[in-house]
C-alpha cells in the first residue's frame, strides 16, 4: 500500500512538472507570436509611409511637368 501511495505521489509530481513545462512553453510561444505581430505592424507602417512619400513625390513631379 505504501509503495502504491509513493508511486501515486511520483506520478502526480511528474504530471505537475509536465504541466509547468507545457505552460512555460505556451507562454514563450505567445510572446514570440506577439513580438512577430509587432514587427509585422511596424513593417506595414513603414511601407505605408514610404508609399505616401512616393505618391507625394510623384504628384509633385506631375505638377512641375
Protein backbone atom coordinates (compact mmCIF):
# COMPACT_ATOMS: atom_id res chain seq x y z
CA UNK A 1 0.00 0.00 0.00
CA UNK A 2 2.83 2.39 0.85
CA UNK A 3 4.57 1.71 -2.46
CA UNK A 4 1.33 2.43 -4.29
CA UNK A 5 0.92 5.75 -2.45
CA UNK A 6 4.52 6.72 -3.24
CA UNK A 7 4.02 5.81 -6.89
CA UNK A 8 0.88 7.94 -6.95
CA UNK A 9 2.78 10.90 -5.46
CA UNK A 10 5.58 10.49 -8.02
CA UNK A 11 3.07 10.37 -10.86
CA UNK A 12 1.32 13.48 -9.52
CA UNK A 13 4.63 15.31 -9.21
CA UNK A 14 5.59 14.31 -12.75
CA UNK A 15 2.22 15.46 -14.06
CA UNK A 16 2.67 18.80 -12.28
CA UNK A 17 6.16 19.18 -13.75
CA UNK A 18 4.86 18.35 -17.23
CA UNK A 19 2.07 20.92 -16.86
CA UNK A 20 4.51 23.60 -15.71
CA UNK A 21 6.76 22.87 -18.68
CA UNK A 22 3.81 22.99 -21.07
CA UNK A 23 2.63 26.28 -19.56
CA UNK A 24 6.11 27.78 -19.85
CA UNK A 25 6.43 26.72 -23.49
CA UNK A 26 2.97 28.10 -24.25
CA UNK A 27 3.88 31.44 -22.68
CA UNK A 28 7.12 31.60 -24.66
CA UNK A 29 5.27 30.86 -27.90
CA UNK A 30 2.66 33.53 -27.16
CA UNK A 31 5.42 36.09 -26.52
CA UNK A 32 7.12 35.07 -29.76
CA UNK A 33 3.89 35.46 -31.72
CA UNK A 34 3.18 38.81 -30.09
CA UNK A 35 6.67 40.02 -30.96
CA UNK A 36 6.22 38.88 -34.55
CA UNK A 37 2.87 40.67 -34.78
CA UNK A 38 4.51 43.89 -33.56
CA UNK A 39 7.30 43.52 -36.10
CA UNK A 40 4.80 42.98 -38.90
CA UNK A 41 2.79 46.02 -37.80
CA UNK A 42 5.93 48.17 -37.80
CA UNK A 43 6.91 46.92 -41.25
CA UNK A 44 3.42 47.66 -42.56
CA UNK A 45 3.53 51.20 -41.16
CA UNK A 46 6.95 51.82 -42.73
CA UNK A 47 5.69 50.53 -46.05
CA UNK A 48 2.60 52.75 -45.85
CA UNK A 49 4.76 55.80 -45.08
CA UNK A 50 7.10 55.00 -47.97
CA UNK A 51 4.13 54.66 -50.30
CA UNK A 52 2.74 58.01 -49.15
CA UNK A 53 6.11 59.69 -49.75
CA UNK A 54 6.41 58.11 -53.18
CA UNK A 55 2.89 59.22 -54.09
CA UNK A 56 3.60 62.74 -52.86
CA UNK A 57 6.83 62.89 -54.87
CA UNK A 58 5.07 61.52 -57.95
CA UNK A 59 2.27 64.07 -57.67
CA UNK A 60 4.79 66.86 -57.17
CA UNK A 61 6.69 65.72 -60.27
CA UNK A 62 3.45 65.69 -62.29
CA UNK A 63 2.68 69.27 -61.30
CA UNK A 64 6.10 70.53 -62.42
CA UNK A 65 5.78 68.94 -65.85
